[in-house]
Protein backbone atom coordinates (compact mmCIF):
# COMPACT_ATOMS: atom_id res chain seq x y z
CA MET A 1 -3.10 1.96 27.83
CA LYS A 2 0.30 3.22 26.80
CA MET A 3 0.81 0.46 24.65
CA ALA A 4 -2.71 1.01 22.87
CA ASN A 5 -1.79 4.43 22.07
CA SER A 6 1.83 3.72 20.59
CA LEU A 7 -0.14 0.98 18.46
CA ARG A 8 -2.54 3.47 17.51
CA GLY A 9 -0.05 5.98 16.21
CA GLU A 10 1.33 2.97 14.04
CA VAL A 11 -1.89 2.04 12.71
CA LEU A 12 -2.73 5.84 11.91
CA ASN A 13 0.67 6.05 10.23
CA LEU A 14 0.36 2.91 8.29
CA TYR A 15 -3.38 4.49 6.97
CA LYS A 16 -1.65 7.50 5.73
CA ASN A 17 1.06 5.67 4.11
CA LEU A 18 -1.00 3.43 2.16
CA LEU A 19 -3.43 6.20 1.60
CA TYR A 20 -0.49 8.06 -0.26
CA LEU A 21 0.68 4.78 -1.95
CA GLY A 22 -3.16 4.24 -3.01
CA ARG A 23 -3.13 7.39 -5.26
CA ASP A 24 -1.24 5.31 -8.38
CA TYR A 25 -3.47 2.23 -7.94
CA PRO A 26 -4.05 0.70 -11.26
CA LYS A 27 -7.85 0.37 -10.79
CA GLY A 28 -7.91 4.26 -9.43
CA ALA A 29 -7.67 5.73 -6.12
CA ASP A 30 -11.04 6.15 -5.35
CA TYR A 31 -11.37 2.45 -5.56
CA PHE A 32 -8.53 1.99 -3.25
CA LYS A 33 -9.58 4.33 -0.93
CA ARG A 34 -12.88 2.78 -0.47
CA ARG A 35 -11.29 -0.76 -0.07
CA LEU A 36 -8.66 0.88 2.48
CA LYS A 37 -11.49 2.44 4.79
CA ASN A 38 -13.54 -0.73 4.39
CA VAL A 39 -10.59 -2.71 5.82
CA PHE A 40 -9.74 -0.49 8.45
CA LEU A 41 -13.27 -0.24 9.55
CA LYS A 42 -13.69 -3.93 9.69
CA ASN A 43 -10.69 -4.24 12.02
CA LYS A 44 -11.66 -1.01 14.27
CA ASP A 45 -13.08 -3.25 17.30
CA VAL A 46 -9.64 -5.46 17.59
CA LYS A 47 -8.37 -4.77 20.93
CA ASP A 48 -5.67 -7.35 21.30
CA PRO A 49 -2.29 -5.80 21.11
CA GLU A 50 -0.66 -9.32 19.54
CA LYS A 51 -3.47 -9.11 16.79
CA ILE A 52 -3.19 -5.48 16.23
CA LYS A 53 0.44 -5.99 15.64
CA GLU A 54 -0.28 -9.04 13.22
CA LEU A 55 -2.60 -6.56 11.18
CA ILE A 56 0.06 -3.92 10.98
CA ALA A 57 2.41 -6.46 9.62
CA ARG A 58 0.00 -7.50 7.21
CA GLY A 59 -0.44 -3.77 6.15
CA GLU A 60 3.26 -3.25 5.92
CA PHE A 61 3.47 -6.20 3.67
CA VAL A 62 0.76 -4.97 1.68
CA MET A 63 2.86 -1.47 1.32
CA LYS A 64 5.67 -3.16 0.33
CA GLU A 65 3.78 -5.33 -2.59
CA LEU A 66 2.47 -1.85 -3.65
CA GLU A 67 5.81 -0.40 -4.06
CA ALA A 68 6.92 -3.49 -5.88
CA LEU A 69 4.12 -3.38 -8.43
CA TYR A 70 4.85 0.70 -8.84
CA PHE A 71 8.32 -0.28 -9.47
CA LEU A 72 7.62 -3.14 -11.78
CA ARG A 73 5.20 -0.69 -13.75
CA LYS A 74 7.78 1.59 -14.08
CA TYR A 75 10.45 -0.81 -15.09
CA ARG A 76 8.13 -1.97 -18.06
CA ALA A 77 7.22 1.25 -18.99
CA MET A 78 11.07 2.40 -19.40
CA LYS A 79 12.02 -0.94 -21.05
CA GLN A 80 9.22 -0.49 -23.40
CA ARG A 81 10.41 3.07 -24.35
CA TYR A 82 13.94 2.03 -24.84
CA TYR A 83 13.69 -1.35 -26.41
CA SER A 84 11.14 0.14 -29.07
CA ASP A 85 13.11 2.98 -29.87
CA ALA A 86 16.18 0.48 -30.46
CA ASN A 87 14.07 -1.93 -32.54
CA GLU A 88 13.22 1.24 -35.12
CA THR A 89 16.63 2.12 -35.64
CA LYS A 90 17.72 -1.46 -37.04
């Protein structure tokens, strides 16, 4: 039972982190929130600790992908801003 409680904490933490990252999702925060909730509700009846760990790992992968997406978007915006200024001065 103790293992289930610790995994529950991890799942809740993952949900909160993904919810936070979803604020800047390109298709909108509401879209992301709906999809996130549906995925978590779909897997709410999973009891096997190994399967739960796999799902947590997948969620962490999604978190890293979102962070990479946001970083790339920020990089592109900065690159566009600075290179468009450089081209105008020539």
